[in-house]
Amino acid sequence: MDWFKFYVFANVLVITLLALNVSRLRMQERVANGDGGKVSLKKAIRAHANGVEHVLPYGMMMFALQESSLLVFLVLSFTLSRVFHGVSMLGAFFNLRRLAALLTYVSEGAALVVLGGSLF
């Protein structure tokens, strides 16, 4: 399997679903810009933005590491962490959110170590 393509597919799917949720809530709440003071919309916007904040830089690392034997592990652990994080931000699952954030940071740190090791 081409794990970089899987990374792009799975993570863009998550980002797109989060964006669709923002649009759904905007229509439901009749809020064109900002969050309109609506907590549900504020959470949806942050969940989407947080995903974008992490998915794009990690994707660059995955592109750089396409030849790494650890790519499968890095892609799967990060993708799972982002799914969990998105779900936890939209619901009231604070412990899942903490676990997902930790897994995200561990995945990012591991990718940086592997990428750094390939440079020197």
N, C-alpha and C. Protein backbone atom coordinates (compact mmCIF):
# COMPACT_ATOMS: atom_id res chain seq x y z
N MET A 1 0.85 -1.18 0.00
CA MET A 1 0.00 0.00 0.00
C MET A 1 0.89 1.24 0.00
N ASP A 2 0.44 2.27 -0.67
CA ASP A 2 1.14 3.55 -0.67
C ASP A 2 0.66 4.32 0.56
N TRP A 3 1.46 4.31 1.62
CA TRP A 3 1.05 4.86 2.91
C TRP A 3 0.95 6.37 2.90
N PHE A 4 1.71 7.05 2.06
CA PHE A 4 1.56 8.49 1.97
C PHE A 4 0.20 8.83 1.35
N LYS A 5 -0.18 8.11 0.32
CA LYS A 5 -1.51 8.35 -0.28
C LYS A 5 -2.61 8.05 0.73
N PHE A 6 -2.43 6.99 1.51
CA PHE A 6 -3.42 6.68 2.56
C PHE A 6 -3.49 7.82 3.56
N TYR A 7 -2.31 8.34 3.96
CA TYR A 7 -2.27 9.46 4.89
C TYR A 7 -3.09 10.63 4.35
N VAL A 8 -2.82 11.00 3.11
CA VAL A 8 -3.52 12.14 2.50
C VAL A 8 -5.02 11.86 2.45
N PHE A 9 -5.41 10.68 1.98
CA PHE A 9 -6.82 10.33 1.88
C PHE A 9 -7.51 10.40 3.24
N ALA A 10 -6.97 9.70 4.22
CA ALA A 10 -7.64 9.58 5.52
C ALA A 10 -7.70 10.92 6.25
N ASN A 11 -6.61 11.66 6.23
CA ASN A 11 -6.58 12.91 6.99
C ASN A 11 -7.33 14.03 6.30
N VAL A 12 -7.32 14.07 4.97
CA VAL A 12 -8.14 15.07 4.27
C VAL A 12 -9.62 14.72 4.45
N LEU A 13 -9.95 13.44 4.51
CA LEU A 13 -11.32 13.04 4.79
C LEU A 13 -11.76 13.55 6.17
N VAL A 14 -10.92 13.38 7.18
CA VAL A 14 -11.25 13.87 8.53
C VAL A 14 -11.43 15.38 8.50
N ILE A 15 -10.51 16.11 7.87
CA ILE A 15 -10.59 17.57 7.79
C ILE A 15 -11.87 17.99 7.06
N THR A 16 -12.20 17.30 5.98
CA THR A 16 -13.40 17.63 5.21
C THR A 16 -14.66 17.38 6.02
N LEU A 17 -14.71 16.28 6.75
CA LEU A 17 -15.87 16.00 7.60
C LEU A 17 -16.02 17.05 8.69
N LEU A 18 -14.91 17.47 9.27
CA LEU A 18 -14.96 18.53 10.28
C LEU A 18 -15.43 19.85 9.66
N ALA A 19 -14.98 20.16 8.45
CA ALA A 19 -15.42 21.38 7.76
C ALA A 19 -16.91 21.32 7.43
N LEU A 20 -17.38 20.16 6.99
CA LEU A 20 -18.81 20.00 6.70
C LEU A 20 -19.64 20.19 7.96
N ASN A 21 -19.12 19.73 9.08
CA ASN A 21 -19.82 19.92 10.34
C ASN A 21 -19.93 21.41 10.68
N VAL A 22 -18.87 22.17 10.43
CA VAL A 22 -18.92 23.62 10.66
C VAL A 22 -20.00 24.24 9.77
N SER A 23 -20.01 23.87 8.50
CA SER A 23 -21.01 24.41 7.58
C SER A 23 -22.42 24.04 7.99
N ARG A 24 -22.60 22.80 8.41
CA ARG A 24 -23.92 22.35 8.89
C ARG A 24 -24.39 23.19 10.06
N LEU A 25 -23.51 23.41 11.01
CA LEU A 25 -23.87 24.21 12.18
C LEU A 25 -24.10 25.68 11.83
N ARG A 26 -23.34 26.21 10.87
CA ARG A 26 -23.57 27.59 10.43
C ARG A 26 -24.97 27.75 9.86
N MET A 27 -25.39 26.79 9.05
CA MET A 27 -26.73 26.86 8.47
C MET A 27 -27.80 26.68 9.55
N GLN A 28 -27.58 25.71 10.42
CA GLN A 28 -28.53 25.43 11.49
C GLN A 28 -28.69 26.62 12.43
N GLU A 29 -27.59 27.25 12.78
CA GLU A 29 -27.59 28.36 13.73
C GLU A 29 -27.74 29.73 13.05
N ARG A 30 -27.73 29.73 11.71
CA ARG A 30 -27.82 30.96 10.93
C ARG A 30 -26.72 31.97 11.31
N VAL A 31 -25.48 31.48 11.28
CA VAL A 31 -24.31 32.31 11.60
C VAL A 31 -23.39 32.28 10.38
N ALA A 32 -23.25 33.43 9.72
CA ALA A 32 -22.43 33.49 8.51
C ALA A 32 -20.94 33.60 8.81
N ASN A 33 -20.59 34.39 9.81
CA ASN A 33 -19.18 34.62 10.14
C ASN A 33 -18.96 34.45 11.64
N GLY A 34 -17.74 34.04 11.99
CA GLY A 34 -17.43 33.85 13.40
C GLY A 34 -18.21 32.69 13.98
N ASP A 35 -18.42 32.73 15.30
CA ASP A 35 -19.15 31.64 15.95
C ASP A 35 -20.51 32.09 16.48
N GLY A 36 -20.81 33.38 16.35
CA GLY A 36 -22.11 33.89 16.79
C GLY A 36 -22.40 33.66 18.26
N GLY A 37 -21.37 33.39 19.04
CA GLY A 37 -21.58 33.11 20.46
C GLY A 37 -22.17 31.73 20.72
N LYS A 38 -22.22 30.90 19.72
CA LYS A 38 -22.78 29.54 19.84
C LYS A 38 -21.65 28.58 20.23
N VAL A 39 -21.80 27.94 21.37
CA VAL A 39 -20.76 27.04 21.87
C VAL A 39 -20.51 25.88 20.91
N SER A 40 -21.58 25.30 20.37
CA SER A 40 -21.42 24.16 19.46
C SER A 40 -20.64 24.56 18.22
N LEU A 41 -20.89 25.76 17.70
CA LEU A 41 -20.17 26.23 16.52
C LEU A 41 -18.72 26.54 16.86
N LYS A 42 -18.50 27.12 18.02
CA LYS A 42 -17.13 27.43 18.47
C LYS A 42 -16.31 26.14 18.57
N LYS A 43 -16.90 25.09 19.14
CA LYS A 43 -16.21 23.80 19.26
C LYS A 43 -15.92 23.20 17.89
N ALA A 44 -16.89 23.29 16.98
CA ALA A 44 -16.71 22.74 15.64
C ALA A 44 -15.61 23.46 14.88
N ILE A 45 -15.58 24.79 15.00
CA ILE A 45 -14.55 25.58 14.33
C ILE A 45 -13.17 25.22 14.88
N ARG A 46 -13.04 25.10 16.20
CA ARG A 46 -11.75 24.75 16.80
C ARG A 46 -11.32 23.33 16.43
N ALA A 47 -12.27 22.40 16.37
CA ALA A 47 -11.92 21.03 15.99
C ALA A 47 -11.36 21.00 14.57
N HIS A 48 -12.00 21.74 13.66
CA HIS A 48 -11.53 21.80 12.28
C HIS A 48 -10.17 22.48 12.21
N ALA A 49 -10.03 23.63 12.85
CA ALA A 49 -8.77 24.37 12.80
C ALA A 49 -7.63 23.57 13.42
N ASN A 50 -7.90 22.89 14.53
CA ASN A 50 -6.87 22.09 15.18
C ASN A 50 -6.40 20.98 14.25
N GLY A 51 -7.33 20.37 13.54
CA GLY A 51 -6.94 19.34 12.58
C GLY A 51 -6.02 19.87 11.50
N VAL A 52 -6.39 21.01 10.93
CA VAL A 52 -5.57 21.61 9.87
C VAL A 52 -4.19 21.98 10.42
N GLU A 53 -4.15 22.50 11.64
CA GLU A 53 -2.88 22.90 12.25
C GLU A 53 -1.89 21.75 12.36
N HIS A 54 -2.38 20.54 12.54
CA HIS A 54 -1.49 19.40 12.72
C HIS A 54 -1.32 18.57 11.44
N VAL A 55 -2.36 18.44 10.65
CA VAL A 55 -2.32 17.55 9.48
C VAL A 55 -1.34 18.06 8.42
N LEU A 56 -1.33 19.34 8.15
CA LEU A 56 -0.47 19.84 7.08
C LEU A 56 1.02 19.68 7.38
N PRO A 57 1.52 20.13 8.54
CA PRO A 57 2.96 19.93 8.80
C PRO A 57 3.35 18.45 8.88
N TYR A 58 2.48 17.63 9.46
CA TYR A 58 2.80 16.21 9.56
C TYR A 58 2.83 15.58 8.16
N GLY A 59 1.96 16.04 7.31
CA GLY A 59 1.95 15.55 5.92
C GLY A 59 3.26 15.83 5.21
N MET A 60 3.83 17.00 5.48
CA MET A 60 5.13 17.31 4.87
C MET A 60 6.20 16.34 5.37
N MET A 61 6.13 16.01 6.67
CA MET A 61 7.10 15.04 7.20
C MET A 61 6.89 13.67 6.57
N MET A 62 5.64 13.26 6.40
CA MET A 62 5.37 11.95 5.80
C MET A 62 5.85 11.91 4.35
N PHE A 63 5.70 13.02 3.65
CA PHE A 63 6.20 13.09 2.28
C PHE A 63 7.72 12.91 2.27
N ALA A 64 8.39 13.57 3.20
CA ALA A 64 9.85 13.46 3.28
C ALA A 64 10.30 12.07 3.70
N LEU A 65 9.44 11.34 4.41
CA LEU A 65 9.81 10.02 4.94
C LEU A 65 9.21 8.86 4.15
N GLN A 66 8.85 9.09 2.92
CA GLN A 66 8.19 8.03 2.14
C GLN A 66 9.00 6.75 2.04
N GLU A 67 10.29 6.85 2.14
CA GLU A 67 11.15 5.66 2.04
C GLU A 67 11.40 4.99 3.39
N SER A 68 10.90 5.56 4.46
CA SER A 68 11.16 5.03 5.80
C SER A 68 10.34 3.77 6.07
N SER A 69 10.96 2.82 6.74
CA SER A 69 10.25 1.60 7.12
C SER A 69 9.24 1.87 8.23
N LEU A 70 9.35 3.02 8.88
CA LEU A 70 8.43 3.37 9.96
C LEU A 70 7.21 4.14 9.48
N LEU A 71 7.10 4.37 8.16
CA LEU A 71 6.01 5.17 7.63
C LEU A 71 4.64 4.61 8.00
N VAL A 72 4.47 3.31 7.94
CA VAL A 72 3.18 2.69 8.28
C VAL A 72 2.79 3.03 9.71
N PHE A 73 3.69 2.82 10.63
CA PHE A 73 3.41 3.11 12.04
C PHE A 73 3.11 4.59 12.25
N LEU A 74 3.92 5.46 11.65
CA LEU A 74 3.74 6.90 11.82
C LEU A 74 2.41 7.37 11.25
N VAL A 75 2.06 6.89 10.08
CA VAL A 75 0.79 7.29 9.44
C VAL A 75 -0.40 6.80 10.26
N LEU A 76 -0.38 5.53 10.64
CA LEU A 76 -1.53 4.97 11.36
C LEU A 76 -1.70 5.58 12.75
N SER A 77 -0.61 5.77 13.48
CA SER A 77 -0.74 6.33 14.82
C SER A 77 -1.23 7.78 14.77
N PHE A 78 -0.71 8.56 13.85
CA PHE A 78 -1.13 9.95 13.73
C PHE A 78 -2.59 10.04 13.27
N THR A 79 -2.94 9.27 12.26
CA THR A 79 -4.31 9.32 11.73
C THR A 79 -5.31 8.93 12.80
N LEU A 80 -5.02 7.88 13.54
CA LEU A 80 -5.90 7.47 14.63
C LEU A 80 -6.01 8.57 15.69
N SER A 81 -4.90 9.21 16.00
CA SER A 81 -4.93 10.28 17.00
C SER A 81 -5.81 11.44 16.54
N ARG A 82 -5.78 11.76 15.25
CA ARG A 82 -6.58 12.88 14.74
C ARG A 82 -8.07 12.54 14.70
N VAL A 83 -8.41 11.30 14.40
CA VAL A 83 -9.82 10.88 14.45
C VAL A 83 -10.32 10.99 15.88
N PHE A 84 -9.55 10.45 16.82
CA PHE A 84 -9.94 10.52 18.23
C PHE A 84 -10.05 11.97 18.71
N HIS A 85 -9.11 12.80 18.28
CA HIS A 85 -9.11 14.19 18.72
C HIS A 85 -10.34 14.94 18.19
N GLY A 86 -10.66 14.73 16.92
CA GLY A 86 -11.84 15.38 16.36
C GLY A 86 -13.12 14.97 17.06
N VAL A 87 -13.27 13.68 17.31
CA VAL A 87 -14.45 13.18 18.02
C VAL A 87 -14.50 13.74 19.44
N SER A 88 -13.37 13.76 20.10
CA SER A 88 -13.34 14.22 21.50
C SER A 88 -13.62 15.71 21.62
N MET A 89 -13.20 16.50 20.63
CA MET A 89 -13.45 17.95 20.70
C MET A 89 -14.92 18.27 20.46
N LEU A 90 -15.59 17.46 19.66
CA LEU A 90 -16.99 17.73 19.37
C LEU A 90 -17.91 17.21 20.47
N GLY A 91 -17.45 16.22 21.19
CA GLY A 91 -18.23 15.68 22.30
C GLY A 91 -17.63 16.14 23.61
N ALA A 92 -18.11 15.57 24.66
CA ALA A 92 -17.60 15.92 26.00
C ALA A 92 -16.71 14.79 26.51
N PHE A 93 -15.67 14.48 25.74
CA PHE A 93 -14.79 13.36 26.06
C PHE A 93 -13.40 13.89 26.37
N PHE A 94 -13.25 14.56 27.51
CA PHE A 94 -12.00 15.23 27.82
C PHE A 94 -10.83 14.26 27.96
N ASN A 95 -11.04 13.10 28.57
CA ASN A 95 -9.94 12.14 28.72
C ASN A 95 -9.49 11.61 27.36
N LEU A 96 -10.45 11.37 26.45
CA LEU A 96 -10.09 10.94 25.10
C LEU A 96 -9.32 12.05 24.39
N ARG A 97 -9.72 13.29 24.61
CA ARG A 97 -9.03 14.42 24.00
C ARG A 97 -7.59 14.50 24.49
N ARG A 98 -7.37 14.32 25.77
CA ARG A 98 -6.00 14.34 26.30
C ARG A 98 -5.17 13.20 25.72
N LEU A 99 -5.76 12.02 25.64
CA LEU A 99 -5.05 10.87 25.07
C LEU A 99 -4.73 11.11 23.60
N ALA A 100 -5.70 11.64 22.86
CA ALA A 100 -5.50 11.92 21.44
C ALA A 100 -4.42 12.98 21.23
N ALA A 101 -4.43 14.01 22.05
CA ALA A 101 -3.40 15.05 21.95
C ALA A 101 -2.03 14.46 22.23
N LEU A 102 -1.94 13.63 23.27
CA LEU A 102 -0.67 12.99 23.59
C LEU A 102 -0.19 12.12 22.43
N LEU A 103 -1.07 11.32 21.86
CA LEU A 103 -0.70 10.47 20.73
C LEU A 103 -0.28 11.31 19.53
N THR A 104 -0.94 12.44 19.32
CA THR A 104 -0.55 13.35 18.24
C THR A 104 0.88 13.84 18.46
N TYR A 105 1.16 14.32 19.68
CA TYR A 105 2.50 14.85 19.97
C TYR A 105 3.57 13.77 19.91
N VAL A 106 3.25 12.58 20.39
CA VAL A 106 4.21 11.47 20.31
C VAL A 106 4.49 11.12 18.85
N SER A 107 3.44 11.08 18.03
CA SER A 107 3.61 10.79 16.60
C SER A 107 4.46 11.86 15.93
N GLU A 108 4.18 13.12 16.25
CA GLU A 108 4.96 14.21 15.66
C GLU A 108 6.41 14.15 16.12
N GLY A 109 6.62 13.89 17.39
CA GLY A 109 7.99 13.78 17.91
C GLY A 109 8.74 12.62 17.28
N ALA A 110 8.08 11.48 17.15
CA ALA A 110 8.72 10.31 16.53
C ALA A 110 9.08 10.60 15.08
N ALA A 111 8.18 11.27 14.36
CA ALA A 111 8.47 11.60 12.97
C ALA A 111 9.64 12.57 12.87
N LEU A 112 9.70 13.51 13.79
CA LEU A 112 10.84 14.45 13.78
C LEU A 112 12.16 13.74 14.06
N VAL A 113 12.13 12.79 14.99
CA VAL A 113 13.36 12.03 15.30
C VAL A 113 13.80 11.22 14.07
N VAL A 114 12.85 10.54 13.43
CA VAL A 114 13.18 9.74 12.24
C VAL A 114 13.68 10.64 11.12
N LEU A 115 12.99 11.77 10.91
CA LEU A 115 13.41 12.70 9.86
C LEU A 115 14.78 13.28 10.17
N GLY A 116 15.00 13.68 11.41
CA GLY A 116 16.31 14.20 11.81
C GLY A 116 17.41 13.17 11.62
N GLY A 117 17.10 11.93 11.98
CA GLY A 117 18.09 10.86 11.82
C GLY A 117 18.45 10.61 10.37
N SER A 118 17.51 10.85 9.47
CA SER A 118 17.80 10.63 8.05
C SER A 118 18.63 11.76 7.44
N LEU A 119 18.73 12.87 8.17
CA LEU A 119 19.50 14.01 7.66
C LEU A 119 20.98 13.91 7.99
N PHE A 120 21.29 13.26 9.11
CA PHE A 120 22.67 13.28 9.59
C PHE A 120 23.32 11.92 9.51
